Amino acid sequence: MKGYIHSIETFGAVDGPGIRYIIFLQGCPLRCIFCHNPDSWKLKDGKKVSVNKLVKDIKKYKNYICGVTLSGGEPLMQPKFTLKLIKAIKKLGLTVALDTAGSLPIKTSQKIIDASDLVILDIKGLTEELNKKITGATNKNTLATLDYCEQINKDVWIRQVIVPNYTLDEKYLNELAQFLTKFKCVKSVDLLPFHKLGEHKWKTLNLDYKLYGTPSPTQEQMQLARQVFKKHNLPMVE
């Protein structure tokens, strides 16, 4: 079976526990204003590869990695390919983390979530209004994904990008932290500072970038944001 990928990182240290082999799959239904890989949005703009070819390459690094992370784009955009890939990776004795925004319905993602060892769930905006401002879409599937992980006791890491004028807001962060305390499946929270590394891609692709004048959060602002979640006794990815 073949699918479309954007890129590969063979020695990733921030996308799941330990050192990981990361496959960034192509295709995404969201249009996040802070996306650093807008070139990953269109499915067939990626490189077409087979499951066997990817597994063959993963084997080269098996003795040096803790597992594989499937990221994107949105790996749920290619459900059959992603599921086949997960099963093949697990036959190698490696764990699989699914890095997703949960942007597709549970009927599409259920088998993929079930097969994964960890779900890294990117919450773009807790409220419907904020999520639409950031992604152009509803957050219903994202929250349904979290609910499903709670039902099946699937370990979850929550990710939230901290963006000035959007999610860098103490009231909002308190609401998010309070919301997350209801979920036993949430094992860690990872706050990511907005960065401008993908800004040049928006220019190259002639896309309407809304954050040209937006600065990255300072270290002090990020520390204050983390304190909000620690105050609610939520474990943090440091």
C-alpha atoms as a PDB file:
ATOM      1  CA  MET A   1       0.000   0.000   0.000  1.00  0.00           C
ATOM      2  CA  LYS A   2       1.203   3.500  -0.846  1.00  0.00           C
ATOM      3  CA  GLY A   3       0.486   6.883   0.679  1.00  0.00           C
ATOM      4  CA  TYR A   4       1.722  10.458   0.530  1.00  0.00           C
ATOM      5  CA  ILE A   5       4.287  11.835   2.961  1.00  0.00           C
ATOM      6  CA  HIS A   6       5.667  15.331   3.470  1.00  0.00           C
ATOM      7  CA  SER A   7       8.998  14.532   5.148  1.00  0.00           C
ATOM      8  CA  ILE A   8      10.851  12.324   7.629  1.00  0.00           C
ATOM      9  CA  GLU A   9      12.896  13.113  10.720  1.00  0.00           C
ATOM     10  CA  THR A  10      15.043  10.221  11.916  1.00  0.00           C
ATOM     11  CA  PHE A  11      16.129  11.654  15.275  1.00  0.00           C
ATOM     12  CA  GLY A  12      13.248  13.630  16.760  1.00  0.00           C
ATOM     13  CA  ALA A  13      13.267  14.540  20.442  1.00  0.00           C
ATOM     14  CA  VAL A  14      10.066  16.575  20.918  1.00  0.00           C
ATOM     15  CA  ASP A  15       7.280  14.568  19.275  1.00  0.00           C
ATOM     16  CA  GLY A  16       6.604  11.923  21.880  1.00  0.00           C
ATOM     17  CA  PRO A  17       8.631  10.177  24.586  1.00  0.00           C
ATOM     18  CA  GLY A  18      12.324   9.610  23.928  1.00  0.00           C
ATOM     19  CA  ILE A  19      14.119   9.721  20.596  1.00  0.00           C
ATOM     20  CA  ARG A  20      11.707   8.999  17.765  1.00  0.00           C
ATOM     21  CA  TYR A  21      11.546   8.408  14.043  1.00  0.00           C
ATOM     22  CA  ILE A  22       8.924  10.862  12.778  1.00  0.00           C
ATOM     23  CA  ILE A  23       6.927  10.532   9.588  1.00  0.00           C
ATOM     24  CA  PHE A  24       5.090  13.700   8.551  1.00  0.00           C
ATOM     25  CA  LEU A  25       2.188  12.605   6.393  1.00  0.00           C
ATOM     26  CA  GLN A  26       0.792  14.791   3.654  1.00  0.00           C
ATOM     27  CA  GLY A  27      -2.684  16.324   3.608  1.00  0.00           C
ATOM     28  CA  CYS A  28      -4.647  18.374   6.125  1.00  0.00           C
ATOM     29  CA  PRO A  29      -8.250  19.641   6.221  1.00  0.00           C
ATOM     30  CA  LEU A  30      -7.366  22.521   8.576  1.00  0.00           C
ATOM     31  CA  ARG A  31      -5.873  25.868   7.626  1.00  0.00           C
ATOM     32  CA  CYS A  32      -4.194  26.907  10.870  1.00  0.00           C
ATOM     33  CA  ILE A  33      -3.005  30.506  10.795  1.00  0.00           C
ATOM     34  CA  PHE A  34       0.271  29.530  12.498  1.00  0.00           C
ATOM     35  CA  CYS A  35       0.979  26.407  10.381  1.00  0.00           C
ATOM     36  CA  HIS A  36       4.701  26.069   9.668  1.00  0.00           C
ATOM     37  CA  ASN A  37       4.143  23.499   6.904  1.00  0.00           C
ATOM     38  CA  PRO A  38       1.398  24.906   4.635  1.00  0.00           C
ATOM     39  CA  ASP A  39       3.069  22.909   1.864  1.00  0.00           C
ATOM     40  CA  SER A  40       1.657  19.813   3.597  1.00  0.00           C
ATOM     41  CA  TRP A  41      -1.995  20.781   3.075  1.00  0.00           C
ATOM     42  CA  LYS A  42      -2.623  19.335  -0.396  1.00  0.00           C
ATOM     43  CA  LEU A  43      -2.513  15.542  -0.321  1.00  0.00           C
ATOM     44  CA  LYS A  44      -0.962  14.826  -3.702  1.00  0.00           C
ATOM     45  CA  ASP A  45       1.728  17.485  -3.335  1.00  0.00           C
ATOM     46  CA  GLY A  46       3.584  14.973  -1.170  1.00  0.00           C
ATOM     47  CA  LYS A  47       5.933  12.132  -2.047  1.00  0.00           C
ATOM     48  CA  LYS A  48       4.223   8.813  -2.735  1.00  0.00           C
ATOM     49  CA  VAL A  49       5.829   5.945  -0.819  1.00  0.00           C
ATOM     50  CA  SER A  50       4.924   2.408   0.207  1.00  0.00           C
ATOM     51  CA  VAL A  51       4.510   1.049   3.721  1.00  0.00           C
ATOM     52  CA  ASN A  52       7.256  -1.486   2.986  1.00  0.00           C
ATOM     53  CA  LYS A  53       9.736   1.209   1.974  1.00  0.00           C
ATOM     54  CA  LEU A  54       9.087   3.206   5.149  1.00  0.00           C
ATOM     55  CA  VAL A  55       9.395   0.130   7.364  1.00  0.00           C
ATOM     56  CA  LYS A  56      12.648  -0.830   5.659  1.00  0.00           C
ATOM     57  CA  ASP A  57      14.076   2.592   6.496  1.00  0.00           C
ATOM     58  CA  ILE A  58      12.773   2.504  10.083  1.00  0.00           C
ATOM     59  CA  LYS A  59      14.622  -0.785  10.628  1.00  0.00           C
ATOM     60  CA  LYS A  60      17.934   1.055  10.117  1.00  0.00           C
ATOM     61  CA  TYR A  61      17.257   3.110  13.242  1.00  0.00           C
ATOM     62  CA  LYS A  62      15.521   0.496  15.381  1.00  0.00           C
ATOM     63  CA  ASN A  63      18.391   0.203  17.874  1.00  0.00           C
ATOM     64  CA  TYR A  64      18.565   3.964  18.420  1.00  0.00           C
ATOM     65  CA  ILE A  65      14.932   5.053  18.767  1.00  0.00           C
ATOM     66  CA  CYS A  66      12.177   4.600  21.348  1.00  0.00           C
ATOM     67  CA  GLY A  67       9.429   4.497  18.761  1.00  0.00           C
ATOM     68  CA  VAL A  68       7.803   6.123  15.736  1.00  0.00           C
ATOM     69  CA  THR A  69       5.556   9.178  15.626  1.00  0.00           C
ATOM     70  CA  LEU A  70       3.093   9.720  12.787  1.00  0.00           C
ATOM     71  CA  SER A  71       2.484  13.420  12.350  1.00  0.00           C
ATOM     72  CA  GLY A  72       1.459  15.763   9.561  1.00  0.00           C
ATOM     73  CA  GLY A  73      -0.234  17.413   8.012  1.00  0.00           C
ATOM     74  CA  GLU A  74      -2.949  15.263   9.468  1.00  0.00           C
ATOM     75  CA  PRO A  75      -2.272  11.483   9.484  1.00  0.00           C
ATOM     76  CA  LEU A  76      -6.008  10.792   9.733  1.00  0.00           C
ATOM     77  CA  MET A  77      -6.397  12.126   6.171  1.00  0.00           C
ATOM     78  CA  GLN A  78      -5.015   8.819   4.888  1.00  0.00           C
ATOM     79  CA  PRO A  79      -6.742   6.361   7.244  1.00  0.00           C
ATOM     80  CA  LYS A  80      -6.106   3.084   5.405  1.00  0.00           C
ATOM     81  CA  PHE A  81      -2.459   3.879   4.755  1.00  0.00           C
ATOM     82  CA  THR A  82      -1.897   5.150   8.304  1.00  0.00           C
ATOM     83  CA  LEU A  83      -3.479   2.074   9.880  1.00  0.00           C
ATOM     84  CA  LYS A  84      -1.463  -0.278   7.665  1.00  0.00           C
ATOM     85  CA  LEU A  85       1.702   1.629   8.574  1.00  0.00           C
ATOM     86  CA  ILE A  86       0.986   1.478  12.313  1.00  0.00           C
ATOM     87  CA  LYS A  87       0.454  -2.269  12.208  1.00  0.00           C
ATOM     88  CA  ALA A  88       3.681  -2.778  10.260  1.00  0.00           C
ATOM     89  CA  ILE A  89       5.677  -0.622  12.692  1.00  0.00           C
ATOM     90  CA  LYS A  90       4.323  -2.468  15.717  1.00  0.00           C
ATOM     91  CA  LYS A  91       5.438  -5.769  14.201  1.00  0.00           C
ATOM     92  CA  LEU A  92       8.973  -4.380  14.604  1.00  0.00           C
ATOM     93  CA  GLY A  93       8.367  -4.145  18.361  1.00  0.00           C
ATOM     94  CA  LEU A  94       8.251  -0.333  18.306  1.00  0.00           C
ATOM     95  CA  THR A  95       5.643   1.944  19.868  1.00  0.00           C
ATOM     96  CA  VAL A  96       3.604   4.336  17.739  1.00  0.00           C
ATOM     97  CA  ALA A  97       2.506   7.828  18.727  1.00  0.00           C
ATOM     98  CA  LEU A  98      -0.231   9.482  16.671  1.00  0.00           C
ATOM     99  CA  ASP A  99       0.203  13.271  16.454  1.00  0.00           C
ATOM    100  CA  THR A 100      -3.182  14.570  15.314  1.00  0.00           C
ATOM    101  CA  ALA A 101      -5.623  17.428  15.603  1.00  0.00           C
ATOM    102  CA  GLY A 102      -8.415  14.858  15.695  1.00  0.00           C
ATOM    103  CA  SER A 103      -9.885  16.737  12.769  1.00  0.00           C
ATOM    104  CA  LEU A 104     -11.798  13.826  11.255  1.00  0.00           C
ATOM    105  CA  PRO A 105     -14.853  11.993  12.654  1.00  0.00           C
ATOM    106  CA  ILE A 106     -14.340   9.109  15.088  1.00  0.00           C
ATOM    107  CA  LYS A 107     -15.782   6.664  12.546  1.00  0.00           C
ATOM    108  CA  THR A 108     -12.710   7.466  10.409  1.00  0.00           C
ATOM    109  CA  SER A 109     -10.115   7.604  13.176  1.00  0.00           C
ATOM    110  CA  GLN A 110     -11.287   4.932  15.636  1.00  0.00           C
ATOM    111  CA  LYS A 111      -9.191   2.015  14.355  1.00  0.00           C
ATOM    112  CA  ILE A 112      -6.113   4.235  14.069  1.00  0.00           C
ATOM    113  CA  ILE A 113      -6.504   5.493  17.642  1.00  0.00           C
ATOM    114  CA  ASP A 114      -7.081   1.946  18.885  1.00  0.00           C
ATOM    115  CA  ALA A 115      -3.869   0.742  17.217  1.00  0.00           C
ATOM    116  CA  SER A 116      -1.703   3.618  18.494  1.00  0.00           C
ATOM    117  CA  ASP A 117       0.132   3.514  21.827  1.00  0.00           C
ATOM    118  CA  LEU A 118      -0.160   7.255  22.453  1.00  0.00           C
ATOM    119  CA  VAL A 119      -2.271  10.052  21.005  1.00  0.00           C
ATOM    120  CA  ILE A 120      -0.672  13.487  20.883  1.00  0.00           C
ATOM    121  CA  LEU A 121      -3.773  15.643  20.468  1.00  0.00           C
ATOM    122  CA  ASP A 122      -3.387  19.195  19.198  1.00  0.00           C
ATOM    123  CA  ILE A 123      -6.140  21.382  20.589  1.00  0.00           C
ATOM    124  CA  LYS A 124      -6.144  24.514  18.458  1.00  0.00           C
ATOM    125  CA  GLY A 125      -8.869  26.333  20.365  1.00  0.00           C
ATOM    126  CA  LEU A 126     -11.107  25.115  23.174  1.00  0.00           C
ATOM    127  CA  THR A 127     -14.061  27.257  22.140  1.00  0.00           C
ATOM    128  CA  GLU A 128     -15.817  26.926  18.806  1.00  0.00           C
ATOM    129  CA  GLU A 129     -15.266  30.612  18.031  1.00  0.00           C
ATOM    130  CA  LEU A 130     -11.540  30.556  18.750  1.00  0.00           C
ATOM    131  CA  ASN A 131     -11.007  27.285  16.887  1.00  0.00           C
ATOM    132  CA  LYS A 132     -12.647  28.700  13.768  1.00  0.00           C
ATOM    133  CA  LYS A 133     -10.479  31.827  13.962  1.00  0.00           C
ATOM    134  CA  ILE A 134      -7.356  29.684  14.130  1.00  0.00           C
ATOM    135  CA  THR A 135      -8.212  26.782  11.808  1.00  0.00           C
ATOM    136  CA  GLY A 136     -11.256  27.828   9.784  1.00  0.00           C
ATOM    137  CA  ALA A 137     -13.102  24.768  11.107  1.00  0.00           C
ATOM    138  CA  THR A 138     -15.091  23.455  14.056  1.00  0.00           C
ATOM    139  CA  ASN A 139     -13.431  21.711  17.022  1.00  0.00           C
ATOM    140  CA  LYS A 140     -16.164  19.091  17.429  1.00  0.00           C
ATOM    141  CA  ASN A 141     -14.095  16.226  16.041  1.00  0.00           C
ATOM    142  CA  THR A 142     -11.105  17.208  18.190  1.00  0.00           C
ATOM    143  CA  LEU A 143     -13.126  17.138  21.398  1.00  0.00           C
ATOM    144  CA  ALA A 144     -14.873  13.931  20.306  1.00  0.00           C
ATOM    145  CA  THR A 145     -11.418  12.387  19.834  1.00  0.00           C
ATOM    146  CA  LEU A 146     -10.492  13.301  23.403  1.00  0.00           C
ATOM    147  CA  ASP A 147     -13.779  11.867  24.668  1.00  0.00           C
ATOM    148  CA  TYR A 148     -13.119   8.625  22.788  1.00  0.00           C
ATOM    149  CA  CYS A 149      -9.605   8.342  24.220  1.00  0.00           C
ATOM    150  CA  GLU A 150     -11.088   8.749  27.691  1.00  0.00           C
ATOM    151  CA  GLN A 151     -13.606   5.976  27.000  1.00  0.00           C
ATOM    152  CA  ILE A 152     -10.947   3.471  25.939  1.00  0.00           C
ATOM    153  CA  ASN A 153      -8.252   4.623  28.415  1.00  0.00           C
ATOM    154  CA  LYS A 154      -5.859   5.650  25.627  1.00  0.00           C
ATOM    155  CA  ASP A 155      -2.938   7.731  26.880  1.00  0.00           C
ATOM    156  CA  VAL A 156      -3.034  11.308  25.577  1.00  0.00           C
ATOM    157  CA  TRP A 157      -0.583  14.182  25.453  1.00  0.00           C
ATOM    158  CA  ILE A 158      -2.332  17.483  24.881  1.00  0.00           C
ATOM    159  CA  ARG A 159      -0.637  20.097  22.737  1.00  0.00           C
ATOM    160  CA  GLN A 160      -1.559  23.764  22.667  1.00  0.00           C
ATOM    161  CA  VAL A 161       0.263  26.366  20.597  1.00  0.00           C
ATOM    162  CA  ILE A 162       0.649  29.625  22.506  1.00  0.00           C
ATOM    163  CA  VAL A 163      -0.047  32.511  20.118  1.00  0.00           C
ATOM    164  CA  PRO A 164      -0.191  36.178  21.219  1.00  0.00           C
ATOM    165  CA  ASN A 165      -3.671  37.669  20.693  1.00  0.00           C
ATOM    166  CA  TYR A 166      -5.187  34.191  20.375  1.00  0.00           C
ATOM    167  CA  THR A 167      -4.221  31.590  22.990  1.00  0.00           C
ATOM    168  CA  LEU A 168      -1.782  33.655  25.066  1.00  0.00           C
ATOM    169  CA  ASP A 169      -4.506  34.676  27.487  1.00  0.00           C
ATOM    170  CA  GLU A 170      -4.616  33.739  31.175  1.00  0.00           C
ATOM    171  CA  LYS A 171      -8.413  33.427  31.292  1.00  0.00           C
ATOM    172  CA  TYR A 172      -8.449  31.139  28.264  1.00  0.00           C
ATOM    173  CA  LEU A 173      -5.575  29.012  29.561  1.00  0.00           C
ATOM    174  CA  ASN A 174      -7.312  28.606  32.925  1.00  0.00           C
ATOM    175  CA  GLU A 175     -10.463  27.453  31.144  1.00  0.00           C
ATOM    176  CA  LEU A 176      -8.485  24.950  29.097  1.00  0.00           C
ATOM    177  CA  ALA A 177      -6.617  23.650  32.142  1.00  0.00           C
ATOM    178  CA  GLN A 178      -9.856  23.277  34.112  1.00  0.00           C
ATOM    179  CA  PHE A 179     -11.437  21.432  31.182  1.00  0.00           C
ATOM    180  CA  LEU A 180      -8.520  18.994  30.945  1.00  0.00           C
ATOM    181  CA  THR A 181      -8.666  18.056  34.634  1.00  0.00           C
ATOM    182  CA  LYS A 182     -11.801  16.028  33.830  1.00  0.00           C
ATOM    183  CA  PHE A 183      -9.842  13.560  31.685  1.00  0.00           C
ATOM    184  CA  LYS A 184      -7.897  10.740  33.317  1.00  0.00           C
ATOM    185  CA  CYS A 185      -6.443   9.852  29.914  1.00  0.00           C
ATOM    186  CA  VAL A 186      -4.463  13.107  29.770  1.00  0.00           C
ATOM    187  CA  LYS A 187      -0.956  12.149  30.872  1.00  0.00           C
ATOM    188  CA  SER A 188       0.834  15.351  29.932  1.00  0.00           C
ATOM    189  CA  VAL A 189       0.331  18.843  28.523  1.00  0.00           C
ATOM    190  CA  ASP A 190       2.787  20.337  26.047  1.00  0.00           C
ATOM    191  CA  LEU A 191       2.668  24.097  25.468  1.00  0.00           C
ATOM    192  CA  LEU A 192       4.390  25.108  22.248  1.00  0.00           C
ATOM    193  CA  PRO A 193       5.447  28.712  21.607  1.00  0.00           C
ATOM    194  CA  PHE A 194       4.306  30.157  18.296  1.00  0.00           C
ATOM    195  CA  HIS A 195       7.305  30.577  16.009  1.00  0.00           C
ATOM    196  CA  LYS A 196       7.912  32.161  12.632  1.00  0.00           C
ATOM    197  CA  LEU A 197      10.033  29.426  11.028  1.00  0.00           C
ATOM    198  CA  GLY A 198       7.402  28.656   8.394  1.00  0.00           C
ATOM    199  CA  GLU A 199       6.651  32.272   7.494  1.00  0.00           C
ATOM    200  CA  HIS A 200       8.723  32.118   4.296  1.00  0.00           C
ATOM    201  CA  LYS A 201       6.615  29.187   3.039  1.00  0.00           C
ATOM    202  CA  TRP A 202       3.460  31.300   3.168  1.00  0.00           C
ATOM    203  CA  LYS A 203       5.223  33.923   1.044  1.00  0.00           C
ATOM    204  CA  THR A 204       6.509  31.340  -1.427  1.00  0.00           C
ATOM    205  CA  LEU A 205       3.044  29.779  -1.775  1.00  0.00           C
ATOM    206  CA  ASN A 206       1.423  33.229  -2.035  1.00  0.00           C
ATOM    207  CA  LEU A 207      -0.895  32.500   0.894  1.00  0.00           C
ATOM    208  CA  ASP A 208      -2.612  35.069   3.099  1.00  0.00           C
ATOM    209  CA  TYR A 209      -0.535  34.997   6.298  1.00  0.00           C
ATOM    210  CA  LYS A 210      -2.188  36.798   9.206  1.00  0.00           C
ATOM    211  CA  LEU A 211       0.680  36.686  11.718  1.00  0.00           C
ATOM    212  CA  TYR A 212       3.492  38.658  10.076  1.00  0.00           C
ATOM    213  CA  GLY A 213       3.511  41.239  12.862  1.00  0.00           C
ATOM    214  CA  THR A 214       2.912  38.769  15.678  1.00  0.00           C
ATOM    215  CA  PRO A 215       5.941  38.128  17.930  1.00  0.00           C
ATOM    216  CA  SER A 216       6.835  34.769  19.417  1.00  0.00           C
ATOM    217  CA  PRO A 217       5.987  34.513  23.151  1.00  0.00           C
ATOM    218  CA  THR A 218       8.820  35.393  25.505  1.00  0.00           C
ATOM    219  CA  GLN A 219      10.299  32.833  27.879  1.00  0.00           C
ATOM    220  CA  GLU A 220       8.589  34.654  30.733  1.00  0.00           C
ATOM    221  CA  GLN A 221       5.200  34.447  29.004  1.00  0.00           C
ATOM    222  CA  MET A 222       5.659  30.735  28.349  1.00  0.00           C
ATOM    223  CA  GLN A 223       6.639  30.139  31.956  1.00  0.00           C
ATOM    224  CA  LEU A 224       3.525  31.966  33.182  1.00  0.00           C
ATOM    225  CA  ALA A 225       1.388  29.884  30.803  1.00  0.00           C
ATOM    226  CA  ARG A 226       2.899  26.670  32.175  1.00  0.00           C
ATOM    227  CA  GLN A 227       2.218  27.808  35.718  1.00  0.00           C
ATOM    228  CA  VAL A 228      -1.510  27.954  34.919  1.00  0.00           C
ATOM    229  CA  PHE A 229      -1.533  24.234  34.131  1.00  0.00           C
ATOM    230  CA  LYS A 230       0.702  23.325  37.047  1.00  0.00           C
ATOM    231  CA  LYS A 231      -1.715  25.173  39.314  1.00  0.00           C
ATOM    232  CA  HIS A 232      -4.375  22.706  38.173  1.00  0.00           C
ATOM    233  CA  ASN A 233      -1.990  19.807  38.918  1.00  0.00           C
ATOM    234  CA  LEU A 234      -1.658  18.854  35.271  1.00  0.00           C
ATOM    235  CA  PRO A 235       1.642  17.138  34.334  1.00  0.00           C
ATOM    236  CA  MET A 236       3.697  19.121  31.847  1.00  0.00           C
ATOM    237  CA  VAL A 237       6.137  18.284  29.078  1.00  0.00           C
ATOM    238  CA  GLU A 238       9.173  20.372  30.004  1.00  0.00           C
END
